[in-house]
mmCIF file of all heavy atoms, coordinates in Angstrom:
data_MODEL
# 
_entry.id   MODEL 
# 
loop_
_atom_site.group_PDB 
_atom_site.id 
_atom_site.type_symbol 
_atom_site.label_atom_id 
_atom_site.label_alt_id 
_atom_site.label_comp_id 
_atom_site.label_asym_id 
_atom_site.label_entity_id 
_atom_site.label_seq_id 
_atom_site.pdbx_PDB_ins_code 
_atom_site.Cartn_x 
_atom_site.Cartn_y 
_atom_site.Cartn_z 
_atom_site.occupancy 
_atom_site.B_iso_or_equiv 
_atom_site.pdbx_formal_charge 
_atom_site.auth_seq_id 
_atom_site.auth_comp_id 
_atom_site.auth_asym_id 
_atom_site.auth_atom_id 
_atom_site.pdbx_PDB_model_num 
ATOM 1   N N   . SER A 1 1  ? 0.814  -1.211 -0.018  1.00 0.00 ? 1  SER A N   1 
ATOM 2   C CA  . SER A 1 1  ? 0.041  -0.023 0.019   1.00 0.00 ? 1  SER A CA  1 
ATOM 3   C C   . SER A 1 1  ? 0.829  1.295  0.006   1.00 0.00 ? 1  SER A C   1 
ATOM 4   O O   . SER A 1 1  ? 0.381  2.324  -0.226  1.00 0.00 ? 1  SER A O   1 
ATOM 5   C CB  . SER A 1 1  ? -0.989 0.024  1.215   1.00 0.00 ? 1  SER A CB  1 
ATOM 6   O OG  . SER A 1 1  ? -0.288 0.177  2.417   1.00 0.00 ? 1  SER A OG  1 
ATOM 7   N N   . LEU A 1 2  ? 2.142  0.994  0.256   1.00 0.00 ? 2  LEU A N   1 
ATOM 8   C CA  . LEU A 1 2  ? 3.136  2.196  0.186   1.00 0.00 ? 2  LEU A CA  1 
ATOM 9   C C   . LEU A 1 2  ? 3.869  2.177  -1.190  1.00 0.00 ? 2  LEU A C   1 
ATOM 10  O O   . LEU A 1 2  ? 4.129  1.039  -1.616  1.00 0.00 ? 2  LEU A O   1 
ATOM 11  C CB  . LEU A 1 2  ? 4.241  1.982  1.323   1.00 0.00 ? 2  LEU A CB  1 
ATOM 12  C CG  . LEU A 1 2  ? 3.660  2.087  2.735   1.00 0.00 ? 2  LEU A CG  1 
ATOM 13  C CD1 . LEU A 1 2  ? 4.824  1.876  3.714   1.00 0.00 ? 2  LEU A CD1 1 
ATOM 14  C CD2 . LEU A 1 2  ? 2.949  3.368  2.980   1.00 0.00 ? 2  LEU A CD2 1 
ATOM 15  N N   . GLN A 1 3  ? 4.212  3.285  -1.649  1.00 0.00 ? 3  GLN A N   1 
ATOM 16  C CA  . GLN A 1 3  ? 5.300  3.320  -2.669  1.00 0.00 ? 3  GLN A CA  1 
ATOM 17  C C   . GLN A 1 3  ? 6.662  3.333  -2.077  1.00 0.00 ? 3  GLN A C   1 
ATOM 18  O O   . GLN A 1 3  ? 6.879  4.007  -1.127  1.00 0.00 ? 3  GLN A O   1 
ATOM 19  C CB  . GLN A 1 3  ? 5.077  4.541  -3.517  1.00 0.00 ? 3  GLN A CB  1 
ATOM 20  C CG  . GLN A 1 3  ? 3.796  4.643  -4.378  1.00 0.00 ? 3  GLN A CG  1 
ATOM 21  C CD  . GLN A 1 3  ? 3.806  5.902  -5.211  1.00 0.00 ? 3  GLN A CD  1 
ATOM 22  O OE1 . GLN A 1 3  ? 4.470  5.870  -6.265  1.00 0.00 ? 3  GLN A OE1 1 
ATOM 23  N NE2 . GLN A 1 3  ? 3.069  6.919  -4.718  1.00 0.00 ? 3  GLN A NE2 1 
ATOM 24  N N   . VAL A 1 4  ? 7.623  2.663  -2.745  1.00 0.00 ? 4  VAL A N   1 
ATOM 25  C CA  . VAL A 1 4  ? 8.933  2.683  -2.204  1.00 0.00 ? 4  VAL A CA  1 
ATOM 26  C C   . VAL A 1 4  ? 9.884  3.237  -3.281  1.00 0.00 ? 4  VAL A C   1 
ATOM 27  O O   . VAL A 1 4  ? 9.940  2.681  -4.413  1.00 0.00 ? 4  VAL A O   1 
ATOM 28  C CB  . VAL A 1 4  ? 9.454  1.251  -1.847  1.00 0.00 ? 4  VAL A CB  1 
ATOM 29  C CG1 . VAL A 1 4  ? 10.893 1.276  -1.418  1.00 0.00 ? 4  VAL A CG1 1 
ATOM 30  C CG2 . VAL A 1 4  ? 8.539  0.648  -0.741  1.00 0.00 ? 4  VAL A CG2 1 
ATOM 31  N N   . ALA A 1 5  ? 10.504 4.360  -3.063  1.00 0.00 ? 5  ALA A N   1 
ATOM 32  C CA  . ALA A 1 5  ? 11.367 5.086  -4.028  1.00 0.00 ? 5  ALA A CA  1 
ATOM 33  C C   . ALA A 1 5  ? 12.655 4.221  -4.251  1.00 0.00 ? 5  ALA A C   1 
ATOM 34  O O   . ALA A 1 5  ? 13.168 3.497  -3.453  1.00 0.00 ? 5  ALA A O   1 
ATOM 35  C CB  . ALA A 1 5  ? 11.756 6.408  -3.563  1.00 0.00 ? 5  ALA A CB  1 
ATOM 36  N N   . ALA A 1 6  ? 13.023 4.199  -5.485  1.00 0.00 ? 6  ALA A N   1 
ATOM 37  C CA  . ALA A 1 6  ? 14.245 3.539  -5.893  1.00 0.00 ? 6  ALA A CA  1 
ATOM 38  C C   . ALA A 1 6  ? 15.398 4.153  -5.067  1.00 0.00 ? 6  ALA A C   1 
ATOM 39  O O   . ALA A 1 6  ? 15.537 5.277  -4.708  1.00 0.00 ? 6  ALA A O   1 
ATOM 40  C CB  . ALA A 1 6  ? 14.590 3.618  -7.348  1.00 0.00 ? 6  ALA A CB  1 
ATOM 41  N N   . PRO A 1 7  ? 16.419 3.255  -4.757  1.00 0.00 ? 7  PRO A N   1 
ATOM 42  C CA  . PRO A 1 7  ? 17.551 3.709  -3.867  1.00 0.00 ? 7  PRO A CA  1 
ATOM 43  C C   . PRO A 1 7  ? 18.528 4.554  -4.595  1.00 0.00 ? 7  PRO A C   1 
ATOM 44  O O   . PRO A 1 7  ? 19.778 4.049  -4.713  1.00 0.00 ? 7  PRO A O   1 
ATOM 45  C CB  . PRO A 1 7  ? 18.005 2.444  -3.218  1.00 0.00 ? 7  PRO A CB  1 
ATOM 46  C CG  . PRO A 1 7  ? 17.765 1.389  -4.252  1.00 0.00 ? 7  PRO A CG  1 
ATOM 47  C CD  . PRO A 1 7  ? 16.511 1.861  -4.916  1.00 0.00 ? 7  PRO A CD  1 
ATOM 48  N N   . VAL A 1 8  ? 18.250 5.608  -5.017  1.00 0.00 ? 8  VAL A N   1 
ATOM 49  C CA  . VAL A 1 8  ? 19.145 6.487  -5.864  1.00 0.00 ? 8  VAL A CA  1 
ATOM 50  C C   . VAL A 1 8  ? 19.673 7.713  -5.143  1.00 0.00 ? 8  VAL A C   1 
ATOM 51  O O   . VAL A 1 8  ? 20.595 8.404  -5.530  1.00 0.00 ? 8  VAL A O   1 
ATOM 52  C CB  . VAL A 1 8  ? 18.484 6.957  -7.163  1.00 0.00 ? 8  VAL A CB  1 
ATOM 53  C CG1 . VAL A 1 8  ? 18.168 5.699  -8.068  1.00 0.00 ? 8  VAL A CG1 1 
ATOM 54  C CG2 . VAL A 1 8  ? 17.216 7.758  -6.932  1.00 0.00 ? 8  VAL A CG2 1 
ATOM 55  N N   . PHE A 1 9  ? 19.071 7.930  -3.933  1.00 0.00 ? 9  PHE A N   1 
ATOM 56  C CA  . PHE A 1 9  ? 19.442 9.177  -3.193  1.00 0.00 ? 9  PHE A CA  1 
ATOM 57  C C   . PHE A 1 9  ? 20.413 9.001  -2.120  1.00 0.00 ? 9  PHE A C   1 
ATOM 58  O O   . PHE A 1 9  ? 20.492 7.828  -1.472  1.00 0.00 ? 9  PHE A O   1 
ATOM 59  C CB  . PHE A 1 9  ? 18.156 9.805  -2.451  1.00 0.00 ? 9  PHE A CB  1 
ATOM 60  C CG  . PHE A 1 9  ? 17.129 10.182 -3.549  1.00 0.00 ? 9  PHE A CG  1 
ATOM 61  C CD1 . PHE A 1 9  ? 16.071 9.307  -3.650  1.00 0.00 ? 9  PHE A CD1 1 
ATOM 62  C CD2 . PHE A 1 9  ? 17.169 11.259 -4.297  1.00 0.00 ? 9  PHE A CD2 1 
ATOM 63  C CE1 . PHE A 1 9  ? 15.030 9.602  -4.563  1.00 0.00 ? 9  PHE A CE1 1 
ATOM 64  C CE2 . PHE A 1 9  ? 16.275 11.632 -5.224  1.00 0.00 ? 9  PHE A CE2 1 
ATOM 65  C CZ  . PHE A 1 9  ? 15.198 10.740 -5.328  1.00 0.00 ? 9  PHE A CZ  1 
ATOM 66  N N   . ARG A 1 10 ? 21.326 10.019 -1.850  1.00 0.00 ? 10 ARG A N   1 
ATOM 67  C CA  . ARG A 1 10 ? 22.332 9.936  -0.692  1.00 0.00 ? 10 ARG A CA  1 
ATOM 68  C C   . ARG A 1 10 ? 21.742 11.033 0.262   1.00 0.00 ? 10 ARG A C   1 
ATOM 69  O O   . ARG A 1 10 ? 21.069 11.872 0.021   1.00 0.00 ? 10 ARG A O   1 
ATOM 70  C CB  . ARG A 1 10 ? 23.563 10.450 -1.206  1.00 0.00 ? 10 ARG A CB  1 
ATOM 71  C CG  . ARG A 1 10 ? 24.255 9.455  -2.201  1.00 0.00 ? 10 ARG A CG  1 
ATOM 72  C CD  . ARG A 1 10 ? 25.489 9.975  -2.825  1.00 0.00 ? 10 ARG A CD  1 
ATOM 73  N NE  . ARG A 1 10 ? 26.416 10.562 -2.019  1.00 0.00 ? 10 ARG A NE  1 
ATOM 74  C CZ  . ARG A 1 10 ? 27.459 11.346 -2.285  1.00 0.00 ? 10 ARG A CZ  1 
ATOM 75  N NH1 . ARG A 1 10 ? 27.651 11.665 -3.549  1.00 0.00 ? 10 ARG A NH1 1 
ATOM 76  N NH2 . ARG A 1 10 ? 28.244 11.805 -1.376  1.00 0.00 ? 10 ARG A NH2 1 
ATOM 77  N N   . ASP A 1 11 ? 22.086 10.726 1.564   1.00 0.00 ? 11 ASP A N   1 
ATOM 78  C CA  . ASP A 1 11 ? 21.796 11.586 2.685   1.00 0.00 ? 11 ASP A CA  1 
ATOM 79  C C   . ASP A 1 11 ? 22.787 12.651 2.904   1.00 0.00 ? 11 ASP A C   1 
ATOM 80  O O   . ASP A 1 11 ? 23.969 12.282 2.952   1.00 0.00 ? 11 ASP A O   1 
ATOM 81  C CB  . ASP A 1 11 ? 21.674 10.790 3.967   1.00 0.00 ? 11 ASP A CB  1 
ATOM 82  C CG  . ASP A 1 11 ? 20.337 9.971  4.070   1.00 0.00 ? 11 ASP A CG  1 
ATOM 83  O OD1 . ASP A 1 11 ? 19.233 10.543 3.897   1.00 0.00 ? 11 ASP A OD1 1 
ATOM 84  O OD2 . ASP A 1 11 ? 20.426 8.700  4.281   1.00 0.00 ? 11 ASP A OD2 1 
ATOM 85  N N   . PHE A 1 12 ? 22.317 13.873 2.912   1.00 0.00 ? 12 PHE A N   1 
ATOM 86  C CA  . PHE A 1 12 ? 23.272 15.070 3.083   1.00 0.00 ? 12 PHE A CA  1 
ATOM 87  C C   . PHE A 1 12 ? 22.967 15.872 4.276   1.00 0.00 ? 12 PHE A C   1 
ATOM 88  O O   . PHE A 1 12 ? 23.813 16.716 4.782   1.00 0.00 ? 12 PHE A O   1 
ATOM 89  C CB  . PHE A 1 12 ? 23.335 15.872 1.860   1.00 0.00 ? 12 PHE A CB  1 
ATOM 90  C CG  . PHE A 1 12 ? 23.931 15.188 0.687   1.00 0.00 ? 12 PHE A CG  1 
ATOM 91  C CD1 . PHE A 1 12 ? 23.088 14.732 -0.282  1.00 0.00 ? 12 PHE A CD1 1 
ATOM 92  C CD2 . PHE A 1 12 ? 25.208 14.998 0.534   1.00 0.00 ? 12 PHE A CD2 1 
ATOM 93  C CE1 . PHE A 1 12 ? 23.589 14.052 -1.445  1.00 0.00 ? 12 PHE A CE1 1 
ATOM 94  C CE2 . PHE A 1 12 ? 25.809 14.432 -0.549  1.00 0.00 ? 12 PHE A CE2 1 
ATOM 95  C CZ  . PHE A 1 12 ? 24.975 13.891 -1.589  1.00 0.00 ? 12 PHE A CZ  1 
ATOM 96  N N   . GLY A 1 13 ? 21.765 15.882 4.862   1.00 0.00 ? 13 GLY A N   1 
ATOM 97  C CA  . GLY A 1 13 ? 21.293 16.811 5.861   1.00 0.00 ? 13 GLY A CA  1 
ATOM 98  C C   . GLY A 1 13 ? 21.750 16.405 7.200   1.00 0.00 ? 13 GLY A C   1 
ATOM 99  O O   . GLY A 1 13 ? 22.342 15.293 7.514   1.00 0.00 ? 13 GLY A O   1 
ATOM 100 N N   . GLY A 1 14 ? 21.501 17.271 8.136   1.00 0.00 ? 14 GLY A N   1 
ATOM 101 C CA  . GLY A 1 14 ? 21.833 16.987 9.590   1.00 0.00 ? 14 GLY A CA  1 
ATOM 102 C C   . GLY A 1 14 ? 20.801 15.997 10.224  1.00 0.00 ? 14 GLY A C   1 
ATOM 103 O O   . GLY A 1 14 ? 21.090 15.504 11.256  1.00 0.00 ? 14 GLY A O   1 
ATOM 104 N N   . ARG A 1 15 ? 19.761 15.750 9.523   1.00 0.00 ? 15 ARG A N   1 
ATOM 105 C CA  . ARG A 1 15 ? 18.761 14.775 9.929   1.00 0.00 ? 15 ARG A CA  1 
ATOM 106 C C   . ARG A 1 15 ? 18.624 13.752 8.887   1.00 0.00 ? 15 ARG A C   1 
ATOM 107 O O   . ARG A 1 15 ? 18.330 14.063 7.728   1.00 0.00 ? 15 ARG A O   1 
ATOM 108 C CB  . ARG A 1 15 ? 17.374 15.430 10.203  1.00 0.00 ? 15 ARG A CB  1 
ATOM 109 C CG  . ARG A 1 15 ? 17.359 16.429 11.344  1.00 0.00 ? 15 ARG A CG  1 
ATOM 110 C CD  . ARG A 1 15 ? 16.088 17.203 11.468  1.00 0.00 ? 15 ARG A CD  1 
ATOM 111 N NE  . ARG A 1 15 ? 14.880 16.434 11.288  1.00 0.00 ? 15 ARG A NE  1 
ATOM 112 C CZ  . ARG A 1 15 ? 13.619 16.967 11.149  1.00 0.00 ? 15 ARG A CZ  1 
ATOM 113 N NH1 . ARG A 1 15 ? 13.497 18.219 11.020  1.00 0.00 ? 15 ARG A NH1 1 
ATOM 114 N NH2 . ARG A 1 15 ? 12.632 16.098 11.064  1.00 0.00 ? 15 ARG A NH2 1 
ATOM 115 N N   . GLN A 1 16 ? 18.789 12.470 9.310   1.00 0.00 ? 16 GLN A N   1 
ATOM 116 C CA  . GLN A 1 16 ? 18.625 11.363 8.258   1.00 0.00 ? 16 GLN A CA  1 
ATOM 117 C C   . GLN A 1 16 ? 17.193 10.883 8.254   1.00 0.00 ? 16 GLN A C   1 
ATOM 118 O O   . GLN A 1 16 ? 16.737 10.175 7.306   1.00 0.00 ? 16 GLN A O   1 
ATOM 119 C CB  . GLN A 1 16 ? 19.636 10.198 8.448   1.00 0.00 ? 16 GLN A CB  1 
ATOM 120 C CG  . GLN A 1 16 ? 20.982 10.738 8.113   1.00 0.00 ? 16 GLN A CG  1 
ATOM 121 C CD  . GLN A 1 16 ? 21.888 9.521  8.155   1.00 0.00 ? 16 GLN A CD  1 
ATOM 122 O OE1 . GLN A 1 16 ? 21.849 8.653  8.886   1.00 0.00 ? 16 GLN A OE1 1 
ATOM 123 N NE2 . GLN A 1 16 ? 22.725 9.461  7.117   1.00 0.00 ? 16 GLN A NE2 1 
ATOM 124 N N   . ARG A 1 17 ? 16.472 11.025 9.462   1.00 0.00 ? 17 ARG A N   1 
ATOM 125 C CA  . ARG A 1 17 ? 15.070 10.580 9.524   1.00 0.00 ? 17 ARG A CA  1 
ATOM 126 C C   . ARG A 1 17 ? 14.082 11.728 9.477   1.00 0.00 ? 17 ARG A C   1 
ATOM 127 O O   . ARG A 1 17 ? 14.247 12.702 10.293  1.00 0.00 ? 17 ARG A O   1 
ATOM 128 C CB  . ARG A 1 17 ? 14.911 9.766  10.794  1.00 0.00 ? 17 ARG A CB  1 
ATOM 129 C CG  . ARG A 1 17 ? 13.546 9.097  10.967  1.00 0.00 ? 17 ARG A CG  1 
ATOM 130 C CD  . ARG A 1 17 ? 13.576 8.274  12.241  1.00 0.00 ? 17 ARG A CD  1 
ATOM 131 N NE  . ARG A 1 17 ? 14.824 7.534  12.466  1.00 0.00 ? 17 ARG A NE  1 
ATOM 132 C CZ  . ARG A 1 17 ? 15.003 6.177  12.221  1.00 0.00 ? 17 ARG A CZ  1 
ATOM 133 N NH1 . ARG A 1 17 ? 13.980 5.439  11.865  1.00 0.00 ? 17 ARG A NH1 1 
ATOM 134 N NH2 . ARG A 1 17 ? 16.227 5.704  12.401  1.00 0.00 ? 17 ARG A NH2 1 
ATOM 135 N N   . PHE A 1 18 ? 13.305 11.845 8.534   1.00 0.00 ? 18 PHE A N   1 
ATOM 136 C CA  . PHE A 1 18 ? 12.278 12.947 8.459   1.00 0.00 ? 18 PHE A CA  1 
ATOM 137 C C   . PHE A 1 18 ? 11.025 12.439 7.798   1.00 0.00 ? 18 PHE A C   1 
ATOM 138 O O   . PHE A 1 18 ? 10.997 11.460 7.022   1.00 0.00 ? 18 PHE A O   1 
ATOM 139 C CB  . PHE A 1 18 ? 12.929 14.153 7.848   1.00 0.00 ? 18 PHE A CB  1 
ATOM 140 C CG  . PHE A 1 18 ? 13.417 14.004 6.381   1.00 0.00 ? 18 PHE A CG  1 
ATOM 141 C CD1 . PHE A 1 18 ? 12.634 14.228 5.279   1.00 0.00 ? 18 PHE A CD1 1 
ATOM 142 C CD2 . PHE A 1 18 ? 14.714 13.412 6.130   1.00 0.00 ? 18 PHE A CD2 1 
ATOM 143 C CE1 . PHE A 1 18 ? 13.101 14.190 4.041   1.00 0.00 ? 18 PHE A CE1 1 
ATOM 144 C CE2 . PHE A 1 18 ? 15.099 13.196 4.811   1.00 0.00 ? 18 PHE A CE2 1 
ATOM 145 C CZ  . PHE A 1 18 ? 14.306 13.573 3.734   1.00 0.00 ? 18 PHE A CZ  1 
ATOM 146 N N   . SER A 1 19 ? 10.020 13.184 7.985   1.00 0.00 ? 19 SER A N   1 
ATOM 147 C CA  . SER A 1 19 ? 8.772  12.881 7.346   1.00 0.00 ? 19 SER A CA  1 
ATOM 148 C C   . SER A 1 19 ? 7.849  14.116 7.316   1.00 0.00 ? 19 SER A C   1 
ATOM 149 O O   . SER A 1 19 ? 8.052  15.066 7.963   1.00 0.00 ? 19 SER A O   1 
ATOM 150 C CB  . SER A 1 19 ? 7.971  11.764 8.200   1.00 0.00 ? 19 SER A CB  1 
ATOM 151 O OG  . SER A 1 19 ? 7.636  12.162 9.487   1.00 0.00 ? 19 SER A OG  1 
ATOM 152 N N   . GLY A 1 20 ? 6.824  14.019 6.490   1.00 0.00 ? 20 GLY A N   1 
ATOM 153 C CA  . GLY A 1 20 ? 5.838  15.073 6.339   1.00 0.00 ? 20 GLY A CA  1 
ATOM 154 C C   . GLY A 1 20 ? 5.040  15.016 5.116   1.00 0.00 ? 20 GLY A C   1 
ATOM 155 O O   . GLY A 1 20 ? 5.153  14.102 4.366   1.00 0.00 ? 20 GLY A O   1 
ATOM 156 N N   . GLN A 1 21 ? 4.165  16.003 5.106   1.00 0.00 ? 21 GLN A N   1 
ATOM 157 C CA  . GLN A 1 21 ? 3.215  16.133 3.896   1.00 0.00 ? 21 GLN A CA  1 
ATOM 158 C C   . GLN A 1 21 ? 4.054  16.747 2.731   1.00 0.00 ? 21 GLN A C   1 
ATOM 159 O O   . GLN A 1 21 ? 4.782  17.694 2.872   1.00 0.00 ? 21 GLN A O   1 
ATOM 160 C CB  . GLN A 1 21 ? 2.075  17.105 4.209   1.00 0.00 ? 21 GLN A CB  1 
ATOM 161 C CG  . GLN A 1 21 ? 0.879  16.902 3.248   1.00 0.00 ? 21 GLN A CG  1 
ATOM 162 C CD  . GLN A 1 21 ? -0.320 17.633 3.765   1.00 0.00 ? 21 GLN A CD  1 
ATOM 163 O OE1 . GLN A 1 21 ? -0.313 18.589 4.454   1.00 0.00 ? 21 GLN A OE1 1 
ATOM 164 N NE2 . GLN A 1 21 ? -1.418 17.098 3.324   1.00 0.00 ? 21 GLN A NE2 1 
ATOM 165 N N   . ILE A 1 22 ? 3.867  16.127 1.532   1.00 0.00 ? 22 ILE A N   1 
ATOM 166 C CA  . ILE A 1 22 ? 4.515  16.490 0.401   1.00 0.00 ? 22 ILE A CA  1 
ATOM 167 C C   . ILE A 1 22 ? 4.134  17.861 -0.206  1.00 0.00 ? 22 ILE A C   1 
ATOM 168 O O   . ILE A 1 22 ? 2.893  17.922 -0.495  1.00 0.00 ? 22 ILE A O   1 
ATOM 169 C CB  . ILE A 1 22 ? 4.503  15.327 -0.610  1.00 0.00 ? 22 ILE A CB  1 
ATOM 170 C CG1 . ILE A 1 22 ? 5.208  14.098 -0.095  1.00 0.00 ? 22 ILE A CG1 1 
ATOM 171 C CG2 . ILE A 1 22 ? 5.211  15.667 -1.978  1.00 0.00 ? 22 ILE A CG2 1 
ATOM 172 C CD1 . ILE A 1 22 ? 4.986  12.789 -0.933  1.00 0.00 ? 22 ILE A CD1 1 
ATOM 173 N N   . VAL A 1 23 ? 5.114  18.614 -0.479  1.00 0.00 ? 23 VAL A N   1 
ATOM 174 C CA  . VAL A 1 23 ? 4.979  19.836 -1.387  1.00 0.00 ? 23 VAL A CA  1 
ATOM 175 C C   . VAL A 1 23 ? 5.889  19.580 -2.509  1.00 0.00 ? 23 VAL A C   1 
ATOM 176 O O   . VAL A 1 23 ? 7.062  19.267 -2.330  1.00 0.00 ? 23 VAL A O   1 
ATOM 177 C CB  . VAL A 1 23 ? 5.277  21.151 -0.584  1.00 0.00 ? 23 VAL A CB  1 
ATOM 178 C CG1 . VAL A 1 23 ? 5.210  22.386 -1.554  1.00 0.00 ? 23 VAL A CG1 1 
ATOM 179 C CG2 . VAL A 1 23 ? 4.454  21.292 0.637   1.00 0.00 ? 23 VAL A CG2 1 
ATOM 180 N N   . THR A 1 24 ? 5.341  19.798 -3.773  1.00 0.00 ? 24 THR A N   1 
ATOM 181 C CA  . THR A 1 24 ? 6.238  19.465 -4.904  1.00 0.00 ? 24 THR A CA  1 
ATOM 182 C C   . THR A 1 24 ? 6.603  20.781 -5.789  1.00 0.00 ? 24 THR A C   1 
ATOM 183 O O   . THR A 1 24 ? 5.939  21.766 -5.598  1.00 0.00 ? 24 THR A O   1 
ATOM 184 C CB  . THR A 1 24 ? 5.537  18.544 -5.883  1.00 0.00 ? 24 THR A CB  1 
ATOM 185 O OG1 . THR A 1 24 ? 4.277  19.181 -6.399  1.00 0.00 ? 24 THR A OG1 1 
ATOM 186 C CG2 . THR A 1 24 ? 5.095  17.217 -5.207  1.00 0.00 ? 24 THR A CG2 1 
ATOM 187 N N   . LEU A 1 25 ? 7.785  20.551 -6.293  1.00 0.00 ? 25 LEU A N   1 
ATOM 188 C CA  . LEU A 1 25 ? 8.265  21.602 -7.200  1.00 0.00 ? 25 LEU A CA  1 
ATOM 189 C C   . LEU A 1 25 ? 9.024  21.077 -8.388  1.00 0.00 ? 25 LEU A C   1 
ATOM 190 O O   . LEU A 1 25 ? 9.820  20.242 -8.203  1.00 0.00 ? 25 LEU A O   1 
ATOM 191 C CB  . LEU A 1 25 ? 9.262  22.452 -6.403  1.00 0.00 ? 25 LEU A CB  1 
ATOM 192 C CG  . LEU A 1 25 ? 10.127 23.560 -7.158  1.00 0.00 ? 25 LEU A CG  1 
ATOM 193 C CD1 . LEU A 1 25 ? 9.279  24.607 -7.851  1.00 0.00 ? 25 LEU A CD1 1 
ATOM 194 C CD2 . LEU A 1 25 ? 11.081 24.158 -6.186  1.00 0.00 ? 25 LEU A CD2 1 
ATOM 195 N N   . LYS A 1 26 ? 8.697  21.550 -9.580  1.00 0.00 ? 26 LYS A N   1 
ATOM 196 C CA  . LYS A 1 26 ? 9.444  21.031 -10.743 1.00 0.00 ? 26 LYS A CA  1 
ATOM 197 C C   . LYS A 1 26 ? 10.139 22.273 -11.235 1.00 0.00 ? 26 LYS A C   1 
ATOM 198 O O   . LYS A 1 26 ? 9.551  23.319 -11.571 1.00 0.00 ? 26 LYS A O   1 
ATOM 199 C CB  . LYS A 1 26 ? 8.491  20.523 -11.850 1.00 0.00 ? 26 LYS A CB  1 
ATOM 200 C CG  . LYS A 1 26 ? 9.215  19.988 -13.011 1.00 0.00 ? 26 LYS A CG  1 
ATOM 201 C CD  . LYS A 1 26 ? 8.209  19.251 -13.916 1.00 0.00 ? 26 LYS A CD  1 
ATOM 202 C CE  . LYS A 1 26 ? 8.883  18.622 -15.180 1.00 0.00 ? 26 LYS A CE  1 
ATOM 203 N NZ  . LYS A 1 26 ? 9.504  17.415 -14.809 1.00 0.00 ? 26 LYS A NZ  1 
# 
């Protein structure tokens, strides 16, 4: 029931665990 993103991203921020409502920008 969840979508799982392909593992293409690297972590760069001071927080590795984060969540929230999505706001998009192209």
